[in-house]
Amino acid sequence: MIVGIKYCGGCNPRFDRVAEACALARDYPQHCFVRAGCKTDMDLLLVICGCHVACADISGLHPKSGILYARNKSDLLQIKDVLDQMDKSI
């Protein structure tokens, strides 16, 4: 599965968005994690934000299976659950 990653503007330096995305990629090597762009063909879009505002611009991005937001560590745990469920259904 191709998982597109879109980052917010990064106004909260206490939440290392890139490190969290790298950790997900390391934990799920069976998926291809790529930076999301308008021409990216992706199954799922993961929007990694540093706060509840979730200011990342996702206009023009159209993943096949949906969009997930990570605003904190708790959200990342829920995203892992979703990825695990998607793996079971394949």
N, C-alpha and C. Protein backbone atom coordinates (compact mmCIF):
# COMPACT_ATOMS: atom_id res chain seq x y z
N MET A 1 0.84 -1.17 0.00
CA MET A 1 0.00 0.00 0.00
C MET A 1 0.89 1.25 0.00
N ILE A 2 0.48 2.23 -0.75
CA ILE A 2 1.21 3.51 -0.79
C ILE A 2 0.55 4.47 0.18
N VAL A 3 1.33 4.95 1.14
CA VAL A 3 0.85 5.89 2.15
C VAL A 3 1.52 7.24 1.90
N GLY A 4 0.73 8.22 1.51
CA GLY A 4 1.25 9.56 1.31
C GLY A 4 1.33 10.28 2.64
N ILE A 5 2.37 11.07 2.81
CA ILE A 5 2.54 11.83 4.05
C ILE A 5 2.55 13.31 3.72
N LYS A 6 1.74 14.06 4.44
CA LYS A 6 1.68 15.51 4.30
C LYS A 6 1.93 16.10 5.68
N TYR A 7 2.82 17.05 5.76
CA TYR A 7 3.16 17.69 7.03
C TYR A 7 2.50 19.07 7.13
N CYS A 8 2.26 19.49 8.37
CA CYS A 8 1.76 20.84 8.63
C CYS A 8 2.94 21.81 8.58
N GLY A 9 2.69 23.03 8.97
CA GLY A 9 3.72 24.06 8.94
C GLY A 9 4.80 23.93 10.00
N GLY A 10 4.56 23.15 11.03
CA GLY A 10 5.59 22.90 12.03
C GLY A 10 5.74 23.95 13.11
N CYS A 11 4.63 24.58 13.51
CA CYS A 11 4.74 25.63 14.52
C CYS A 11 4.98 25.08 15.93
N ASN A 12 4.77 23.77 16.14
CA ASN A 12 4.99 23.16 17.45
C ASN A 12 6.27 22.32 17.40
N PRO A 13 7.38 22.85 17.87
CA PRO A 13 8.65 22.13 17.78
C PRO A 13 8.76 20.95 18.75
N ARG A 14 7.80 20.81 19.66
CA ARG A 14 7.85 19.70 20.63
C ARG A 14 7.37 18.38 20.03
N PHE A 15 6.74 18.40 18.89
CA PHE A 15 6.25 17.19 18.23
C PHE A 15 7.06 17.01 16.95
N ASP A 16 7.97 16.08 16.97
CA ASP A 16 8.87 15.86 15.82
C ASP A 16 8.13 15.04 14.76
N ARG A 17 7.52 15.74 13.85
CA ARG A 17 6.69 15.12 12.82
C ARG A 17 7.46 14.16 11.93
N VAL A 18 8.64 14.57 11.52
CA VAL A 18 9.44 13.73 10.62
C VAL A 18 9.89 12.45 11.34
N ALA A 19 10.31 12.57 12.58
CA ALA A 19 10.73 11.39 13.35
C ALA A 19 9.56 10.41 13.50
N GLU A 20 8.37 10.93 13.73
CA GLU A 20 7.21 10.06 13.87
C GLU A 20 6.88 9.36 12.56
N ALA A 21 6.99 10.06 11.44
CA ALA A 21 6.75 9.44 10.14
C ALA A 21 7.80 8.37 9.86
N CYS A 22 9.04 8.64 10.20
CA CYS A 22 10.11 7.65 10.01
C CYS A 22 9.87 6.41 10.87
N ALA A 23 9.39 6.61 12.08
CA ALA A 23 9.09 5.49 12.96
C ALA A 23 7.97 4.63 12.38
N LEU A 24 6.94 5.26 11.82
CA LEU A 24 5.87 4.50 11.19
C LEU A 24 6.39 3.70 10.01
N ALA A 25 7.21 4.32 9.19
CA ALA A 25 7.78 3.63 8.03
C ALA A 25 8.63 2.45 8.48
N ARG A 26 9.34 2.62 9.56
CA ARG A 26 10.18 1.54 10.09
C ARG A 26 9.31 0.40 10.65
N ASP A 27 8.19 0.74 11.30
CA ASP A 27 7.31 -0.25 11.88
C ASP A 27 6.45 -0.97 10.84
N TYR A 28 6.28 -0.36 9.68
CA TYR A 28 5.44 -0.94 8.63
C TYR A 28 6.20 -0.99 7.30
N PRO A 29 7.24 -1.82 7.23
CA PRO A 29 8.05 -1.87 6.01
C PRO A 29 7.32 -2.44 4.80
N GLN A 30 6.19 -3.08 5.03
CA GLN A 30 5.42 -3.65 3.93
C GLN A 30 4.69 -2.57 3.13
N HIS A 31 4.66 -1.34 3.66
CA HIS A 31 4.02 -0.22 2.97
C HIS A 31 5.08 0.74 2.44
N CYS A 32 4.70 1.45 1.41
CA CYS A 32 5.59 2.45 0.82
C CYS A 32 5.12 3.83 1.29
N PHE A 33 5.93 4.48 2.11
CA PHE A 33 5.61 5.82 2.62
C PHE A 33 6.30 6.85 1.73
N VAL A 34 5.52 7.77 1.18
CA VAL A 34 6.05 8.79 0.27
C VAL A 34 5.52 10.16 0.66
N ARG A 35 6.25 11.20 0.30
CA ARG A 35 5.71 12.56 0.48
C ARG A 35 4.56 12.77 -0.47
N ALA A 36 3.45 13.23 0.05
CA ALA A 36 2.26 13.41 -0.78
C ALA A 36 2.38 14.66 -1.63
N GLY A 37 2.07 14.51 -2.88
CA GLY A 37 2.01 15.62 -3.82
C GLY A 37 0.77 15.46 -4.68
N CYS A 38 0.41 16.48 -5.40
CA CYS A 38 -0.82 16.43 -6.19
C CYS A 38 -0.83 15.30 -7.21
N LYS A 39 0.33 14.87 -7.65
CA LYS A 39 0.38 13.81 -8.65
C LYS A 39 0.71 12.44 -8.04
N THR A 40 0.72 12.38 -6.73
CA THR A 40 1.03 11.13 -6.06
C THR A 40 -0.19 10.23 -6.06
N ASP A 41 -0.03 9.02 -6.59
CA ASP A 41 -1.08 8.02 -6.55
C ASP A 41 -0.93 7.28 -5.22
N MET A 42 -1.86 7.49 -4.29
CA MET A 42 -1.71 6.90 -2.96
C MET A 42 -3.00 6.23 -2.52
N ASP A 43 -2.83 5.22 -1.69
CA ASP A 43 -3.98 4.52 -1.14
C ASP A 43 -4.52 5.25 0.09
N LEU A 44 -3.63 5.81 0.88
CA LEU A 44 -3.99 6.45 2.13
C LEU A 44 -3.16 7.71 2.30
N LEU A 45 -3.75 8.74 2.87
CA LEU A 45 -3.03 9.98 3.15
C LEU A 45 -2.91 10.14 4.66
N LEU A 46 -1.71 10.31 5.13
CA LEU A 46 -1.44 10.55 6.54
C LEU A 46 -0.98 12.00 6.68
N VAL A 47 -1.78 12.79 7.40
CA VAL A 47 -1.47 14.20 7.62
C VAL A 47 -0.90 14.32 9.03
N ILE A 48 0.38 14.66 9.13
CA ILE A 48 1.05 14.74 10.42
C ILE A 48 1.16 16.20 10.83
N CYS A 49 0.45 16.53 11.90
CA CYS A 49 0.37 17.90 12.39
C CYS A 49 0.93 17.98 13.80
N GLY A 50 1.34 19.14 14.19
CA GLY A 50 1.88 19.33 15.53
C GLY A 50 0.87 19.79 16.55
N CYS A 51 -0.35 20.09 16.12
CA CYS A 51 -1.36 20.56 17.06
C CYS A 51 -2.75 20.30 16.50
N HIS A 52 -3.76 20.67 17.26
CA HIS A 52 -5.14 20.40 16.88
C HIS A 52 -5.64 21.25 15.71
N VAL A 53 -4.93 22.31 15.37
CA VAL A 53 -5.36 23.17 14.26
C VAL A 53 -5.31 22.42 12.93
N ALA A 54 -4.31 21.56 12.77
CA ALA A 54 -4.17 20.73 11.55
C ALA A 54 -4.22 21.60 10.29
N CYS A 55 -3.27 22.50 10.18
CA CYS A 55 -3.27 23.51 9.12
C CYS A 55 -2.72 23.02 7.77
N ALA A 56 -2.30 21.78 7.68
CA ALA A 56 -1.72 21.28 6.43
C ALA A 56 -2.72 21.40 5.28
N ASP A 57 -2.27 21.93 4.17
CA ASP A 57 -3.12 22.08 2.99
C ASP A 57 -3.17 20.76 2.24
N ILE A 58 -4.33 20.14 2.21
CA ILE A 58 -4.47 18.86 1.51
C ILE A 58 -5.31 18.98 0.24
N SER A 59 -5.56 20.23 -0.18
CA SER A 59 -6.33 20.41 -1.41
C SER A 59 -5.56 19.79 -2.58
N GLY A 60 -6.29 19.13 -3.43
CA GLY A 60 -5.69 18.47 -4.59
C GLY A 60 -5.17 17.08 -4.30
N LEU A 61 -5.26 16.63 -3.05
CA LEU A 61 -4.80 15.28 -2.70
C LEU A 61 -6.02 14.37 -2.59
N HIS A 62 -5.98 13.25 -3.29
CA HIS A 62 -7.14 12.36 -3.37
C HIS A 62 -6.72 10.90 -3.17
N PRO A 63 -6.53 10.52 -1.92
CA PRO A 63 -6.17 9.13 -1.65
C PRO A 63 -7.37 8.20 -1.88
N LYS A 64 -7.10 6.96 -2.23
CA LYS A 64 -8.16 6.00 -2.54
C LYS A 64 -8.94 5.57 -1.29
N SER A 65 -8.24 5.42 -0.16
CA SER A 65 -8.88 4.82 1.02
C SER A 65 -9.10 5.78 2.18
N GLY A 66 -8.79 7.04 2.03
CA GLY A 66 -9.09 7.98 3.10
C GLY A 66 -7.91 8.79 3.60
N ILE A 67 -8.22 9.63 4.59
CA ILE A 67 -7.25 10.55 5.17
C ILE A 67 -7.23 10.34 6.68
N LEU A 68 -6.03 10.21 7.25
CA LEU A 68 -5.86 10.09 8.69
C LEU A 68 -5.02 11.24 9.19
N TYR A 69 -5.40 11.79 10.34
CA TYR A 69 -4.66 12.90 10.94
C TYR A 69 -3.94 12.43 12.19
N ALA A 70 -2.68 12.83 12.32
CA ALA A 70 -1.91 12.59 13.54
C ALA A 70 -1.54 13.93 14.13
N ARG A 71 -2.12 14.24 15.28
CA ARG A 71 -1.86 15.51 15.95
C ARG A 71 -1.04 15.31 17.22
N ASN A 72 -0.90 14.04 17.63
CA ASN A 72 -0.18 13.72 18.86
C ASN A 72 0.13 12.21 18.89
N LYS A 73 0.77 11.76 19.95
CA LYS A 73 1.15 10.35 20.07
C LYS A 73 -0.08 9.44 20.11
N SER A 74 -1.14 9.88 20.75
CA SER A 74 -2.36 9.08 20.82
C SER A 74 -2.94 8.83 19.43
N ASP A 75 -2.96 9.87 18.59
CA ASP A 75 -3.43 9.71 17.21
C ASP A 75 -2.57 8.71 16.46
N LEU A 76 -1.27 8.73 16.71
CA LEU A 76 -0.37 7.80 16.02
C LEU A 76 -0.68 6.36 16.40
N LEU A 77 -1.05 6.11 17.64
CA LEU A 77 -1.43 4.77 18.06
C LEU A 77 -2.70 4.32 17.33
N GLN A 78 -3.63 5.23 17.15
CA GLN A 78 -4.85 4.91 16.42
C GLN A 78 -4.55 4.64 14.95
N ILE A 79 -3.60 5.37 14.39
CA ILE A 79 -3.22 5.15 13.00
C ILE A 79 -2.58 3.78 12.84
N LYS A 80 -1.78 3.38 13.82
CA LYS A 80 -1.19 2.02 13.78
C LYS A 80 -2.29 0.97 13.79
N ASP A 81 -3.33 1.19 14.58
CA ASP A 81 -4.46 0.26 14.60
C ASP A 81 -5.12 0.17 13.22
N VAL A 82 -5.31 1.32 12.57
CA VAL A 82 -5.91 1.34 11.24
C VAL A 82 -5.02 0.60 10.24
N LEU A 83 -3.72 0.85 10.28
CA LEU A 83 -2.80 0.14 9.37
C LEU A 83 -2.83 -1.36 9.62
N ASP A 84 -2.89 -1.75 10.88
CA ASP A 84 -2.96 -3.19 11.21
C ASP A 84 -4.24 -3.80 10.65
N GLN A 85 -5.35 -3.10 10.79
CA GLN A 85 -6.62 -3.60 10.26
C GLN A 85 -6.59 -3.69 8.72
N MET A 86 -5.97 -2.70 8.10
CA MET A 86 -5.88 -2.74 6.63
C MET A 86 -4.99 -3.90 6.18
N ASP A 87 -3.95 -4.18 6.94
CA ASP A 87 -3.08 -5.30 6.60
C ASP A 87 -3.85 -6.62 6.69
N LYS A 88 -4.70 -6.76 7.66
CA LYS A 88 -5.48 -7.99 7.84
C LYS A 88 -6.47 -8.19 6.70
N SER A 89 -6.95 -7.09 6.12
CA SER A 89 -7.96 -7.20 5.07
C SER A 89 -7.36 -7.45 3.68
N ILE A 90 -6.05 -7.38 3.58
CA ILE A 90 -5.41 -7.58 2.27
C ILE A 90 -5.24 -9.05 1.98
